[in-house]
All heavy atoms as atom14 arrays in JSON, in Angstrom:
{
  "sequence": "EAFYAGPVAFDIIRTVREALPGLQIIANGGVTSLEKY",
  "atom14_mask": [
    [1, 1, 1, 1, 1, 1, 1, 1, 1, 0, 0, 0, 0, 0],
    [1, 1, 1, 1, 1, 0, 0, 0, 0, 0, 0, 0, 0, 0],
    [1, 1, 1, 1, 1, 1, 1, 1, 1, 1, 1, 0, 0, 0],
    [1, 1, 1, 1, 1, 1, 1, 1, 1, 1, 1, 1, 0, 0],
    [1, 1, 1, 1, 1, 0, 0, 0, 0, 0, 0, 0, 0, 0],
    [1, 1, 1, 1, 0, 0, 0, 0, 0, 0, 0, 0, 0, 0],
    [1, 1, 1, 1, 1, 1, 1, 0, 0, 0, 0, 0, 0, 0],
    [1, 1, 1, 1, 1, 1, 1, 0, 0, 0, 0, 0, 0, 0],
    [1, 1, 1, 1, 1, 0, 0, 0, 0, 0, 0, 0, 0, 0],
    [1, 1, 1, 1, 1, 1, 1, 1, 1, 1, 1, 0, 0, 0],
    [1, 1, 1, 1, 1, 1, 1, 1, 0, 0, 0, 0, 0, 0],
    [1, 1, 1, 1, 1, 1, 1, 1, 0, 0, 0, 0, 0, 0],
    [1, 1, 1, 1, 1, 1, 1, 1, 0, 0, 0, 0, 0, 0],
    [1, 1, 1, 1, 1, 1, 1, 1, 1, 1, 1, 0, 0, 0],
    [1, 1, 1, 1, 1, 1, 1, 0, 0, 0, 0, 0, 0, 0],
    [1, 1, 1, 1, 1, 1, 1, 0, 0, 0, 0, 0, 0, 0],
    [1, 1, 1, 1, 1, 1, 1, 1, 1, 1, 1, 0, 0, 0],
    [1, 1, 1, 1, 1, 1, 1, 1, 1, 0, 0, 0, 0, 0],
    [1, 1, 1, 1, 1, 0, 0, 0, 0, 0, 0, 0, 0, 0],
    [1, 1, 1, 1, 1, 1, 1, 1, 0, 0, 0, 0, 0, 0],
    [1, 1, 1, 1, 1, 1, 1, 0, 0, 0, 0, 0, 0, 0],
    [1, 1, 1, 1, 0, 0, 0, 0, 0, 0, 0, 0, 0, 0],
    [1, 1, 1, 1, 1, 1, 1, 1, 0, 0, 0, 0, 0, 0],
    [1, 1, 1, 1, 1, 1, 1, 1, 1, 0, 0, 0, 0, 0],
    [1, 1, 1, 1, 1, 1, 1, 1, 0, 0, 0, 0, 0, 0],
    [1, 1, 1, 1, 1, 1, 1, 1, 0, 0, 0, 0, 0, 0],
    [1, 1, 1, 1, 1, 0, 0, 0, 0, 0, 0, 0, 0, 0],
    [1, 1, 1, 1, 1, 1, 1, 1, 0, 0, 0, 0, 0, 0],
    [1, 1, 1, 1, 0, 0, 0, 0, 0, 0, 0, 0, 0, 0],
    [1, 1, 1, 1, 0, 0, 0, 0, 0, 0, 0, 0, 0, 0],
    [1, 1, 1, 1, 1, 1, 1, 0, 0, 0, 0, 0, 0, 0],
    [1, 1, 1, 1, 1, 1, 1, 0, 0, 0, 0, 0, 0, 0],
    [1, 1, 1, 1, 1, 1, 0, 0, 0, 0, 0, 0, 0, 0],
    [1, 1, 1, 1, 1, 1, 1, 1, 0, 0, 0, 0, 0, 0],
    [1, 1, 1, 1, 1, 1, 1, 1, 1, 0, 0, 0, 0, 0],
    [1, 1, 1, 1, 1, 1, 1, 1, 1, 0, 0, 0, 0, 0],
    [1, 1, 1, 1, 1, 1, 1, 1, 1, 1, 1, 1, 0, 0]
  ],
  "atom14_positions": [
    [[5.08, -11.94, 21.21], [3.87, -11.38, 21.81], [3.14, -10.43, 20.87], [1.94, -10.17, 21.05], [4.23, -10.64, 23.11], [4.62, -11.56, 24.26], [6.06, -12.05, 24.16], [6.79, -11.61, 23.24], [6.45, -12.88, 24.99], [0.0, 0.0, 0.0], [0.0, 0.0, 0.0], [0.0, 0.0, 0.0], [0.0, 0.0, 0.0], [0.0, 0.0, 0.0]],
    [[3.85, -9.88, 19.89], [3.23, -8.91, 18.98], [2.37, -9.6, 17.93], [1.59, -8.93, 17.24], [4.31, -8.07, 18.3], [0.0, 0.0, 0.0], [0.0, 0.0, 0.0], [0.0, 0.0, 0.0], [0.0, 0.0, 0.0], [0.0, 0.0, 0.0], [0.0, 0.0, 0.0], [0.0, 0.0, 0.0], [0.0, 0.0, 0.0], [0.0, 0.0, 0.0]],
    [[2.51, -10.91, 17.79], [1.79, -11.65, 16.76], [2.04, -11.0, 15.39], [3.13, -11.05, 14.88], [0.29, -11.75, 17.08], [-0.01, -12.8, 18.11], [0.15, -12.52, 19.46], [-0.44, -14.06, 17.74], [-0.11, -13.49, 20.41], [-0.71, -15.04, 18.69], [-0.54, -14.76, 20.02], [0.0, 0.0, 0.0], [0.0, 0.0, 0.0], [0.0, 0.0, 0.0]],
    [[1.0, -10.37, 14.8], [1.12, -9.83, 13.45], [0.84, -8.33, 13.38], [0.56, -7.79, 12.32], [0.16, -10.57, 12.51], [0.31, -12.07, 12.6], [-0.63, -12.85, 13.26], [1.42, -12.7, 12.06], [-0.48, -14.23, 13.37], [1.59, -14.08, 12.15], [0.63, -14.83, 12.81], [0.79, -16.19, 12.91], [0.0, 0.0, 0.0], [0.0, 0.0, 0.0]],
    [[0.93, -7.65, 14.53], [0.59, -6.23, 14.59], [1.76, -5.42, 15.15], [2.66, -5.96, 15.79], [-0.65, -6.01, 15.45], [0.0, 0.0, 0.0], [0.0, 0.0, 0.0], [0.0, 0.0, 0.0], [0.0, 0.0, 0.0], [0.0, 0.0, 0.0], [0.0, 0.0, 0.0], [0.0, 0.0, 0.0], [0.0, 0.0, 0.0], [0.0, 0.0, 0.0]],
    [[1.71, -4.12, 14.89], [2.72, -3.24, 15.45], [3.92, -3.06, 14.54], [4.01, -3.64, 13.46], [0.0, 0.0, 0.0], [0.0, 0.0, 0.0], [0.0, 0.0, 0.0], [0.0, 0.0, 0.0], [0.0, 0.0, 0.0], [0.0, 0.0, 0.0], [0.0, 0.0, 0.0], [0.0, 0.0, 0.0], [0.0, 0.0, 0.0], [0.0, 0.0, 0.0]],
    [[4.86, -2.23, 14.98], [6.03, -1.9, 14.15], [6.92, -3.11, 13.89], [7.0, -4.04, 14.7], [6.76, -0.83, 14.97], [6.31, -1.05, 16.38], [4.9, -1.53, 16.28], [0.0, 0.0, 0.0], [0.0, 0.0, 0.0], [0.0, 0.0, 0.0], [0.0, 0.0, 0.0], [0.0, 0.0, 0.0], [0.0, 0.0, 0.0], [0.0, 0.0, 0.0]],
    [[7.58, -3.09, 12.76], [8.53, -4.13, 12.37], [9.94, -3.61, 12.64], [10.27, -2.48, 12.27], [8.36, -4.49, 10.88], [9.41, -5.51, 10.45], [6.95, -5.03, 10.63], [0.0, 0.0, 0.0], [0.0, 0.0, 0.0], [0.0, 0.0, 0.0], [0.0, 0.0, 0.0], [0.0, 0.0, 0.0], [0.0, 0.0, 0.0], [0.0, 0.0, 0.0]],
    [[10.76, -4.43, 13.3], [12.12, -4.01, 13.67], [13.06, -4.14, 12.47], [13.87, -5.07, 12.39], [12.61, -4.83, 14.86], [0.0, 0.0, 0.0], [0.0, 0.0, 0.0], [0.0, 0.0, 0.0], [0.0, 0.0, 0.0], [0.0, 0.0, 0.0], [0.0, 0.0, 0.0], [0.0, 0.0, 0.0], [0.0, 0.0, 0.0], [0.0, 0.0, 0.0]],
    [[12.95, -3.18, 11.56], [13.82, -3.2, 10.38], [15.29, -3.22, 10.77], [16.11, -3.86, 10.11], [13.55, -1.96, 9.52], [12.16, -1.82, 9.01], [11.45, -0.66, 9.23], [11.55, -2.84, 8.29], [10.15, -0.51, 8.75], [10.26, -2.71, 7.8], [9.56, -1.54, 8.03], [0.0, 0.0, 0.0], [0.0, 0.0, 0.0], [0.0, 0.0, 0.0]],
    [[15.61, -2.47, 11.84], [17.02, -2.32, 12.23], [17.64, -3.65, 12.64], [18.82, -3.91, 12.36], [17.16, -1.3, 13.35], [16.31, -1.62, 14.57], [15.23, -2.24, 14.4], [16.72, -1.28, 15.69], [0.0, 0.0, 0.0], [0.0, 0.0, 0.0], [0.0, 0.0, 0.0], [0.0, 0.0, 0.0], [0.0, 0.0, 0.0], [0.0, 0.0, 0.0]],
    [[16.86, -4.5, 13.31], [17.41, -5.81, 13.72], [17.65, -6.69, 12.5], [18.68, -7.37, 12.39], [16.48, -6.48, 14.75], [16.49, -5.67, 16.05], [16.92, -7.93, 15.0], [15.64, -6.26, 17.16], [0.0, 0.0, 0.0], [0.0, 0.0, 0.0], [0.0, 0.0, 0.0], [0.0, 0.0, 0.0], [0.0, 0.0, 0.0], [0.0, 0.0, 0.0]],
    [[16.7, -6.69, 11.56], [16.89, -7.48, 10.34], [18.12, -6.98, 9.6], [18.96, -7.78, 9.14], [15.64, -7.39, 9.45], [14.4, -7.95, 10.17], [15.86, -8.17, 8.15], [13.1, -7.79, 9.41], [0.0, 0.0, 0.0], [0.0, 0.0, 0.0], [0.0, 0.0, 0.0], [0.0, 0.0, 0.0], [0.0, 0.0, 0.0], [0.0, 0.0, 0.0]],
    [[18.28, -5.68, 9.49], [19.44, -5.11, 8.81], [20.74, -5.48, 9.52], [21.73, -5.85, 8.86], [19.32, -3.59, 8.72], [20.55, -2.91, 8.11], [20.4, -1.42, 8.03], [19.55, -1.03, 6.93], [19.96, -0.86, 5.68], [21.24, -1.07, 5.37], [19.13, -0.49, 4.74], [0.0, 0.0, 0.0], [0.0, 0.0, 0.0], [0.0, 0.0, 0.0]],
    [[20.75, -5.42, 10.84], [21.96, -5.76, 11.6], [22.39, -7.19, 11.33], [23.57, -7.48, 11.12], [21.72, -5.55, 13.11], [21.47, -4.16, 13.35], [22.93, -5.99, 13.93], [0.0, 0.0, 0.0], [0.0, 0.0, 0.0], [0.0, 0.0, 0.0], [0.0, 0.0, 0.0], [0.0, 0.0, 0.0], [0.0, 0.0, 0.0], [0.0, 0.0, 0.0]],
    [[21.43, -8.1, 11.32], [21.74, -9.51, 11.06], [22.27, -9.67, 9.64], [23.28, -10.36, 9.4], [20.51, -10.4, 11.29], [20.8, -11.84, 10.88], [20.07, -10.34, 12.75], [0.0, 0.0, 0.0], [0.0, 0.0, 0.0], [0.0, 0.0, 0.0], [0.0, 0.0, 0.0], [0.0, 0.0, 0.0], [0.0, 0.0, 0.0], [0.0, 0.0, 0.0]],
    [[21.61, -9.04, 8.68], [22.05, -9.16, 7.29], [23.47, -8.64, 7.12], [24.3, -9.26, 6.44], [21.1, -8.37, 6.38], [21.42, -8.53, 4.89], [20.64, -7.54, 4.05], [20.99, -6.17, 4.35], [22.07, -5.55, 3.91], [22.94, -6.19, 3.14], [22.32, -4.29, 4.22], [0.0, 0.0, 0.0], [0.0, 0.0, 0.0], [0.0, 0.0, 0.0]],
    [[23.77, -7.51, 7.73], [25.1, -6.92, 7.58], [26.18, -7.74, 8.29], [27.33, -7.81, 7.85], [25.1, -5.49, 8.1], [24.27, -4.54, 7.22], [24.18, -3.14, 7.77], [24.55, -2.94, 8.96], [23.75, -2.23, 7.02], [0.0, 0.0, 0.0], [0.0, 0.0, 0.0], [0.0, 0.0, 0.0], [0.0, 0.0, 0.0], [0.0, 0.0, 0.0]],
    [[25.79, -8.39, 9.4], [26.77, -9.18, 10.16], [27.07, -10.52, 9.5], [28.12, -11.11, 9.75], [26.26, -9.41, 11.59], [0.0, 0.0, 0.0], [0.0, 0.0, 0.0], [0.0, 0.0, 0.0], [0.0, 0.0, 0.0], [0.0, 0.0, 0.0], [0.0, 0.0, 0.0], [0.0, 0.0, 0.0], [0.0, 0.0, 0.0], [0.0, 0.0, 0.0]],
    [[26.13, -11.01, 8.67], [26.29, -12.32, 8.04], [26.14, -12.19, 6.52], [25.18, -12.68, 5.93], [25.25, -13.3, 8.59], [25.27, -13.53, 10.11], [24.08, -14.36, 10.55], [26.57, -14.2, 10.53], [0.0, 0.0, 0.0], [0.0, 0.0, 0.0], [0.0, 0.0, 0.0], [0.0, 0.0, 0.0], [0.0, 0.0, 0.0], [0.0, 0.0, 0.0]],
    [[27.08, -11.53, 5.87], [26.94, -11.25, 4.43], [26.94, -12.49, 3.56], [26.5, -12.45, 2.41], [28.16, -10.36, 4.13], [29.16, -10.73, 5.2], [28.34, -11.01, 6.42], [0.0, 0.0, 0.0], [0.0, 0.0, 0.0], [0.0, 0.0, 0.0], [0.0, 0.0, 0.0], [0.0, 0.0, 0.0], [0.0, 0.0, 0.0], [0.0, 0.0, 0.0]],
    [[27.4, -13.63, 4.08], [27.42, -14.85, 3.29], [26.13, -15.64, 3.32], [26.01, -16.67, 2.65], [0.0, 0.0, 0.0], [0.0, 0.0, 0.0], [0.0, 0.0, 0.0], [0.0, 0.0, 0.0], [0.0, 0.0, 0.0], [0.0, 0.0, 0.0], [0.0, 0.0, 0.0], [0.0, 0.0, 0.0], [0.0, 0.0, 0.0], [0.0, 0.0, 0.0]],
    [[25.15, -15.16, 4.08], [23.88, -15.88, 4.24], [22.74, -15.05, 3.68], [22.64, -13.86, 3.98], [23.63, -16.17, 5.72], [22.3, -16.86, 6.07], [22.28, -18.3, 5.58], [22.06, -16.81, 7.59], [0.0, 0.0, 0.0], [0.0, 0.0, 0.0], [0.0, 0.0, 0.0], [0.0, 0.0, 0.0], [0.0, 0.0, 0.0], [0.0, 0.0, 0.0]],
    [[21.85, -15.66, 2.9], [20.7, -14.94, 2.4], [19.68, -14.74, 3.52], [19.22, -15.7, 4.14], [20.03, -15.68, 1.24], [18.9, -14.88, 0.59], [18.37, -15.51, -0.68], [18.26, -16.73, -0.78], [18.04, -14.69, -1.67], [0.0, 0.0, 0.0], [0.0, 0.0, 0.0], [0.0, 0.0, 0.0], [0.0, 0.0, 0.0], [0.0, 0.0, 0.0]],
    [[19.33, -13.49, 3.78], [18.32, -13.14, 4.78], [17.09, -12.64, 4.04], [17.17, -11.74, 3.21], [18.83, -12.04, 5.74], [20.09, -12.51, 6.48], [17.73, -11.65, 6.72], [19.86, -13.69, 7.4], [0.0, 0.0, 0.0], [0.0, 0.0, 0.0], [0.0, 0.0, 0.0], [0.0, 0.0, 0.0], [0.0, 0.0, 0.0], [0.0, 0.0, 0.0]],
    [[15.95, -13.23, 4.35], [14.67, -12.83, 3.76], [13.9, -12.04, 4.8], [13.73, -12.49, 5.92], [13.86, -14.05, 3.3], [14.62, -14.8, 2.2], [12.5, -13.65, 2.78], [15.16, -16.12, 2.61], [0.0, 0.0, 0.0], [0.0, 0.0, 0.0], [0.0, 0.0, 0.0], [0.0, 0.0, 0.0], [0.0, 0.0, 0.0], [0.0, 0.0, 0.0]],
    [[13.46, -10.85, 4.43], [12.72, -9.98, 5.35], [11.24, -10.29, 5.3], [10.68, -10.55, 4.23], [12.97, -8.52, 5.0], [0.0, 0.0, 0.0], [0.0, 0.0, 0.0], [0.0, 0.0, 0.0], [0.0, 0.0, 0.0], [0.0, 0.0, 0.0], [0.0, 0.0, 0.0], [0.0, 0.0, 0.0], [0.0, 0.0, 0.0], [0.0, 0.0, 0.0]],
    [[10.58, -10.24, 6.47], [9.17, -10.62, 6.57], [8.49, -9.78, 7.65], [9.09, -9.48, 8.67], [9.07, -12.11, 6.9], [7.66, -12.58, 7.2], [7.42, -13.18, 8.24], [6.71, -12.32, 6.33], [0.0, 0.0, 0.0], [0.0, 0.0, 0.0], [0.0, 0.0, 0.0], [0.0, 0.0, 0.0], [0.0, 0.0, 0.0], [0.0, 0.0, 0.0]],
    [[7.24, -9.42, 7.38], [6.44, -8.73, 8.4], [5.83, -7.43, 7.9], [6.55, -6.48, 7.58], [0.0, 0.0, 0.0], [0.0, 0.0, 0.0], [0.0, 0.0, 0.0], [0.0, 0.0, 0.0], [0.0, 0.0, 0.0], [0.0, 0.0, 0.0], [0.0, 0.0, 0.0], [0.0, 0.0, 0.0], [0.0, 0.0, 0.0], [0.0, 0.0, 0.0]],
    [[4.5, -7.39, 7.81], [3.81, -6.14, 7.55], [3.8, -5.65, 6.13], [3.42, -4.5, 5.87], [0.0, 0.0, 0.0], [0.0, 0.0, 0.0], [0.0, 0.0, 0.0], [0.0, 0.0, 0.0], [0.0, 0.0, 0.0], [0.0, 0.0, 0.0], [0.0, 0.0, 0.0], [0.0, 0.0, 0.0], [0.0, 0.0, 0.0], [0.0, 0.0, 0.0]],
    [[4.19, -6.47, 5.16], [4.2, -6.02, 3.76], [2.81, -6.27, 3.16], [2.46, -7.4, 2.84], [5.29, -6.73, 2.94], [5.22, -6.29, 1.47], [6.66, -6.42, 3.52], [0.0, 0.0, 0.0], [0.0, 0.0, 0.0], [0.0, 0.0, 0.0], [0.0, 0.0, 0.0], [0.0, 0.0, 0.0], [0.0, 0.0, 0.0], [0.0, 0.0, 0.0]],
    [[2.05, -5.2, 3.03], [0.67, -5.31, 2.52], [0.45, -4.47, 1.28], [-0.68, -4.42, 0.77], [-0.33, -4.87, 3.61], [0.0, -3.53, 4.03], [-0.28, -5.8, 4.81], [0.0, 0.0, 0.0], [0.0, 0.0, 0.0], [0.0, 0.0, 0.0], [0.0, 0.0, 0.0], [0.0, 0.0, 0.0], [0.0, 0.0, 0.0], [0.0, 0.0, 0.0]],
    [[1.5, -3.81, 0.78], [1.36, -2.94, -0.38], [2.72, -2.74, -1.02], [3.76, -3.07, -0.44], [0.8, -1.58, 0.04], [1.74, -0.9, 0.88], [0.0, 0.0, 0.0], [0.0, 0.0, 0.0], [0.0, 0.0, 0.0], [0.0, 0.0, 0.0], [0.0, 0.0, 0.0], [0.0, 0.0, 0.0], [0.0, 0.0, 0.0], [0.0, 0.0, 0.0]],
    [[2.72, -2.16, -2.21], [3.98, -1.82, -2.89], [4.79, -0.86, -2.05], [6.01, -0.99, -1.93], [3.67, -1.21, -4.26], [4.86, -0.66, -5.05], [5.87, -1.76, -5.36], [4.38, 0.03, -6.32], [0.0, 0.0, 0.0], [0.0, 0.0, 0.0], [0.0, 0.0, 0.0], [0.0, 0.0, 0.0], [0.0, 0.0, 0.0], [0.0, 0.0, 0.0]],
    [[4.12, 0.13, -1.46], [4.82, 1.12, -0.64], [5.52, 0.45, 0.55], [6.69, 0.74, 0.85], [3.83, 2.17, -0.13], [4.46, 3.24, 0.73], [3.44, 4.24, 1.27], [2.23, 4.08, 0.98], [3.86, 5.17, 1.97], [0.0, 0.0, 0.0], [0.0, 0.0, 0.0], [0.0, 0.0, 0.0], [0.0, 0.0, 0.0], [0.0, 0.0, 0.0]],
    [[4.84, -0.48, 1.22], [5.45, -1.14, 2.38], [6.53, -2.13, 1.96], [7.49, -2.36, 2.7], [4.36, -1.81, 3.21], [3.47, -0.79, 3.91], [2.39, -1.44, 4.76], [1.55, -0.37, 5.46], [0.45, -0.97, 6.25], [0.0, 0.0, 0.0], [0.0, 0.0, 0.0], [0.0, 0.0, 0.0], [0.0, 0.0, 0.0], [0.0, 0.0, 0.0]],
    [[6.38, -2.7, 0.78], [7.43, -3.56, 0.24], [8.69, -2.74, 0.01], [9.8, -3.17, 0.38], [6.95, -4.19, -1.07], [8.04, -4.84, -1.89], [8.54, -6.09, -1.56], [8.56, -4.18, -3.01], [9.54, -6.69, -2.33], [9.55, -4.77, -3.78], [10.05, -6.02, -3.43], [11.04, -6.61, -4.18], [0.0, 0.0, 0.0], [0.0, 0.0, 0.0]]
  ]
}
């Protein structure tokens, strides 16, 4: 429902990455600058 606006749930992406260390997780959402990257 958020489409492309609003906060990005960094914590959920991190939780998945930490729970599945054998799988490459690529993060996506809201990266529009070096600072946000």
